[in-house]
Amino acid sequence: MRDQFRSRTGSFVLLFALSALPLAAQPRCAPVPPNLTAWFTFDEPEFRPLRVPGRVGSAARFNGKDQFREIPTTTPGLAVGDDDFTIELWLRTTDSVNTPSLVDKRDYTPLGYLVFLYKGHPGFQVSASGAVDNLIAQSPSIADGRWHHVAGVVRRLPPQRFWLYVDGVKDPKGSAHPAPLVNLDVPAPLWLGRHHANKKMQTDDIYFKGDLDEVSFYHRALTAAEIQSIFRAGSAGKCR
């Protein structure tokens, strides 16, 4: 009885302390930035076979062996043309060895865009006319089994480097070259969790092991403040 009394008393004190927190301390959803064109929350019925509890609602879990999701190229919101664009998502993994693709929409040339991991470090690639420009974050490895937020941002004019944000922080390096001023749209479907074979890496049996959530596409270069707002919202996610 004494142990039960202590447990109940402890619970009461904890609840009282939480109720006393200011409203600002409670998690709030982030305003949806303008020009959001595609948003995969993984709460959608078509992702049910891969569904697990996510950072926000449900997530998709990939086994690193043969699981991936193909999104048809006709899906609205995936085309970026020769304009600015942003891809942001949450991911969780313990793989610190391999180089899997997370978001891959490239053809064999290769032409297109890619979000990937390099030995536990987030990477972002923009490929045009066979020239590949990889940006790999210099931040510590995120292959720690926790949720991390990653955003790749491309601004075309004036010509400038593209950037990666990891957990709301802009990586200081930036890409080696300005983002190419070419149309990046290709007929290849979008693959989530799988690598598209191309001239640089002629295999498609490279798979991601881990979880993806809230994969979002914008026809615009998000600002640092917008990305930080999404990261700070955490499990509250973007407002619906």
Protein backbone atom coordinates (compact mmCIF):
# COMPACT_ATOMS: atom_id res chain seq x y z
CA MET A 1 0.00 0.00 0.00
CA ARG A 2 2.85 2.38 0.79
CA ASP A 3 4.38 1.89 -2.68
CA GLN A 4 1.01 2.46 -4.35
CA PHE A 5 0.48 5.63 -2.38
CA ARG A 6 3.88 6.96 -3.40
CA SER A 7 3.25 6.13 -7.06
CA ARG A 8 -0.07 7.91 -7.07
CA THR A 9 1.37 10.88 -5.26
CA GLY A 10 4.25 11.10 -7.74
CA SER A 11 1.83 11.00 -10.67
CA PHE A 12 -0.25 13.77 -9.13
CA VAL A 13 2.78 16.02 -8.63
CA LEU A 14 3.95 15.41 -12.21
CA LEU A 15 0.55 16.25 -13.67
CA PHE A 16 0.34 19.36 -11.53
CA ALA A 17 3.78 20.48 -12.71
CA LEU A 18 2.86 19.96 -16.38
CA SER A 19 -0.39 21.86 -15.98
CA ALA A 20 1.56 24.77 -14.54
CA LEU A 21 3.75 25.14 -17.65
CA PRO A 22 3.10 28.24 -19.75
CA LEU A 23 1.18 27.68 -22.96
CA ALA A 24 4.25 28.61 -25.00
CA ALA A 25 5.98 25.47 -23.70
CA GLN A 26 3.35 23.19 -25.24
CA PRO A 27 4.19 21.87 -28.73
CA ARG A 28 2.44 23.74 -31.53
CA CYS A 29 2.13 22.88 -35.17
CA ALA A 30 4.16 24.89 -37.68
CA PRO A 31 2.37 27.04 -40.27
CA VAL A 32 2.50 25.38 -43.68
CA PRO A 33 4.93 27.37 -45.85
CA PRO A 34 3.49 28.67 -49.14
CA ASN A 35 3.87 26.64 -52.34
CA LEU A 36 3.72 23.22 -50.72
CA THR A 37 3.11 21.02 -53.78
CA ALA A 38 3.33 17.42 -52.47
CA TRP A 39 3.13 16.10 -48.91
CA PHE A 40 3.50 12.43 -47.97
CA THR A 41 2.49 12.04 -44.33
CA PHE A 42 2.39 8.22 -44.52
CA ASP A 43 -1.00 8.31 -42.85
CA GLU A 44 -2.42 7.69 -46.34
CA PRO A 45 -4.01 4.24 -46.92
CA GLU A 46 -1.57 3.27 -49.69
CA PHE A 47 1.31 3.27 -47.19
CA ARG A 48 -0.41 0.93 -44.74
CA PRO A 49 1.95 -2.05 -45.38
CA LEU A 50 4.93 0.08 -44.33
CA ARG A 51 3.25 2.04 -41.57
CA VAL A 52 4.73 2.44 -38.07
CA PRO A 53 4.38 5.16 -35.42
CA GLY A 54 6.18 8.20 -36.79
CA ARG A 55 7.54 11.57 -35.83
CA VAL A 56 4.16 13.03 -36.74
CA GLY A 57 1.34 10.49 -36.88
CA SER A 58 2.50 7.51 -38.95
CA ALA A 59 5.79 6.91 -40.75
CA ALA A 60 7.00 4.42 -43.37
CA ARG A 61 9.54 1.79 -42.33
CA PHE A 62 11.91 0.27 -44.91
CA ASN A 63 13.84 -2.94 -44.22
CA GLY A 64 16.99 -2.13 -46.25
CA LYS A 65 16.54 -5.28 -48.35
CA ASP A 66 13.64 -5.02 -50.78
CA GLN A 67 11.13 -2.46 -49.50
CA PHE A 68 10.53 0.87 -51.22
CA ARG A 69 7.66 2.97 -52.48
CA GLU A 70 7.23 4.06 -56.10
CA ILE A 71 5.38 7.32 -56.70
CA PRO A 72 4.28 7.74 -60.35
CA THR A 73 5.88 10.59 -62.25
CA THR A 74 2.39 11.92 -63.01
CA THR A 75 1.81 12.61 -59.31
CA PRO A 76 1.14 16.34 -58.90
CA GLY A 77 3.78 18.41 -57.16
CA LEU A 78 6.94 16.43 -57.98
CA ALA A 79 7.95 18.49 -61.02
CA VAL A 80 10.43 21.29 -60.29
CA GLY A 81 11.33 22.37 -63.83
CA ASP A 82 14.06 24.99 -63.76
CA ASP A 83 12.61 26.78 -60.72
CA ASP A 84 13.51 27.01 -57.03
CA PHE A 85 12.48 24.08 -54.85
CA THR A 86 12.78 22.56 -51.38
CA ILE A 87 12.49 18.98 -50.10
CA GLU A 88 12.16 18.44 -46.36
CA LEU A 89 11.51 15.32 -44.29
CA TRP A 90 12.03 13.49 -41.02
CA LEU A 91 14.14 10.33 -40.90
CA ARG A 92 15.31 7.76 -38.38
CA THR A 93 18.03 5.16 -38.93
CA THR A 94 20.97 3.36 -37.33
CA ASP A 95 22.78 2.71 -40.63
CA SER A 96 26.16 4.45 -40.44
CA VAL A 97 27.86 2.33 -43.13
CA ASN A 98 25.90 2.45 -46.39
CA THR A 99 24.84 5.13 -48.90
CA PRO A 100 21.11 4.61 -49.46
CA SER A 101 18.72 6.85 -51.37
CA LEU A 102 15.83 8.35 -49.43
CA VAL A 103 14.13 10.44 -52.12
CA ASP A 104 15.33 9.62 -55.65
CA LYS A 105 13.87 11.11 -58.84
CA ARG A 106 16.63 10.76 -61.44
CA ASP A 107 16.95 9.12 -64.81
CA TYR A 108 19.89 7.11 -66.15
CA THR A 109 21.80 10.23 -67.36
CA PRO A 110 21.61 11.09 -64.40
CA LEU A 111 19.30 14.09 -64.40
CA GLY A 112 17.13 15.04 -61.45
CA TYR A 113 17.33 15.32 -57.67
CA LEU A 114 18.21 13.04 -54.77
CA VAL A 115 18.17 13.07 -50.97
CA PHE A 116 20.43 10.38 -49.55
CA LEU A 117 22.61 9.29 -46.64
CA TYR A 118 26.38 8.88 -46.74
CA LYS A 119 27.57 6.77 -43.83
CA GLY A 120 25.08 8.39 -41.50
CA HIS A 121 25.40 11.93 -42.88
CA PRO A 122 22.53 13.51 -44.84
CA GLY A 123 23.23 14.28 -48.49
CA PHE A 124 21.53 16.24 -51.26
CA GLN A 125 22.27 15.89 -54.97
CA VAL A 126 21.27 17.90 -58.03
CA SER A 127 22.31 16.26 -61.32
CA ALA A 128 22.19 17.85 -64.77
CA SER A 129 23.58 16.71 -68.13
CA GLY A 130 25.47 13.91 -66.41
CA ALA A 131 27.26 16.30 -64.04
CA VAL A 132 26.63 15.34 -60.43
CA ASP A 133 26.93 17.81 -57.56
CA ASN A 134 26.72 16.16 -54.15
CA LEU A 135 26.36 18.07 -50.90
CA ILE A 136 27.03 16.02 -47.75
CA ALA A 137 26.34 17.60 -44.37
CA GLN A 138 29.36 18.13 -42.13
CA SER A 139 27.23 17.73 -39.00
CA PRO A 140 27.72 14.70 -36.74
CA SER A 141 26.27 11.38 -37.89
CA ILE A 142 22.52 11.14 -37.42
CA ALA A 143 22.50 7.31 -37.48
CA ASP A 144 21.59 7.18 -33.80
CA GLY A 145 18.09 5.71 -33.95
CA ARG A 146 16.46 9.09 -33.25
CA TRP A 147 14.31 11.31 -35.44
CA HIS A 148 16.15 14.01 -37.38
CA HIS A 149 14.89 16.68 -39.75
CA VAL A 150 16.60 17.26 -43.11
CA ALA A 151 15.86 19.91 -45.74
CA GLY A 152 17.50 20.52 -49.11
CA VAL A 153 17.02 24.01 -50.57
CA VAL A 154 17.66 25.08 -54.17
CA ARG A 155 17.51 28.71 -55.31
CA ARG A 156 18.34 29.25 -58.99
CA LEU A 157 18.42 33.03 -59.46
CA PRO A 158 20.70 34.69 -58.86
CA PRO A 159 22.84 31.55 -59.44
CA GLN A 160 23.99 30.25 -56.08
CA ARG A 161 24.93 27.10 -54.23
CA PHE A 162 22.22 24.83 -52.86
CA TRP A 163 22.06 24.08 -49.15
CA LEU A 164 21.25 21.45 -46.53
CA TYR A 165 19.64 22.01 -43.15
CA VAL A 166 19.94 19.35 -40.45
CA ASP A 167 17.71 19.67 -37.39
CA GLY A 168 16.97 23.27 -38.29
CA VAL A 169 20.61 24.30 -38.68
CA LYS A 170 22.04 25.35 -42.05
CA ASP A 171 25.12 23.32 -42.90
CA PRO A 172 27.98 25.80 -43.50
CA LYS A 173 29.45 24.10 -46.55
CA GLY A 174 26.91 24.40 -49.35
CA SER A 175 27.30 22.72 -52.75
CA ALA A 176 30.50 22.99 -54.76
CA HIS A 177 28.75 24.76 -57.65
CA PRO A 178 25.65 26.87 -58.20
CA ALA A 179 22.45 24.94 -58.85
CA PRO A 180 22.19 24.24 -62.61
CA LEU A 181 19.75 26.43 -64.55
CA VAL A 182 18.16 23.52 -66.39
CA ASN A 183 14.88 21.63 -66.28
CA LEU A 184 15.31 18.74 -63.81
CA ASP A 185 12.05 16.97 -64.66
CA VAL A 186 12.39 13.38 -65.89
CA PRO A 187 9.88 10.63 -66.72
CA ALA A 188 11.36 8.35 -64.05
CA PRO A 189 9.08 7.78 -61.06
CA LEU A 190 9.96 9.01 -57.59
CA TRP A 191 11.42 6.25 -55.45
CA LEU A 192 11.27 6.48 -51.67
CA GLY A 193 13.83 4.23 -50.01
CA ARG A 194 15.52 2.93 -53.18
CA HIS A 195 18.31 4.00 -55.55
CA HIS A 196 17.71 4.62 -59.27
CA ALA A 197 20.38 2.96 -61.46
CA ASN A 198 22.37 5.49 -63.52
CA LYS A 199 25.66 5.89 -65.35
CA LYS A 200 27.49 6.75 -62.12
CA MET A 201 26.10 3.83 -60.11
CA GLN A 202 24.62 1.15 -62.36
CA THR A 203 22.56 -0.75 -59.83
CA ASP A 204 19.12 -0.30 -58.36
CA ASP A 205 19.35 -2.78 -55.47
CA ILE A 206 20.45 -0.23 -52.87
CA TYR A 207 17.74 0.20 -50.24
CA PHE A 208 17.26 2.41 -47.20
CA LYS A 209 16.95 0.82 -43.76
CA GLY A 210 15.02 3.05 -41.42
CA ASP A 211 11.95 5.26 -41.20
CA LEU A 212 10.74 8.24 -43.24
CA ASP A 213 8.05 10.71 -42.29
CA GLU A 214 6.48 13.94 -43.58
CA VAL A 215 8.27 13.98 -46.96
CA SER A 216 7.33 17.38 -48.39
CA PHE A 217 8.00 19.22 -51.67
CA TYR A 218 7.81 22.97 -52.25
CA HIS A 219 8.01 24.92 -55.48
CA ARG A 220 10.04 27.55 -53.67
CA ALA A 221 13.22 27.96 -51.63
CA LEU A 222 12.15 27.85 -47.98
CA THR A 223 13.74 30.35 -45.63
CA ALA A 224 15.83 29.39 -42.61
CA ALA A 225 13.03 30.62 -40.33
CA GLU A 226 10.46 28.38 -42.04
CA ILE A 227 12.67 25.31 -41.76
CA GLN A 228 13.44 26.03 -38.12
CA SER A 229 9.72 26.41 -37.41
CA ILE A 230 9.01 22.94 -38.84
CA PHE A 231 11.86 21.41 -36.85
CA ARG A 232 10.81 23.08 -33.59
CA ALA A 233 7.22 21.86 -34.04
CA GLY A 234 8.49 18.30 -33.67
CA SER A 235 5.69 15.80 -33.19
CA ALA A 236 3.06 18.54 -33.65
CA GLY A 237 4.10 18.71 -37.31
CA LYS A 238 2.77 21.17 -39.85
CA CYS A 239 -0.70 22.58 -39.29
CA ARG A 240 -3.40 20.85 -41.35
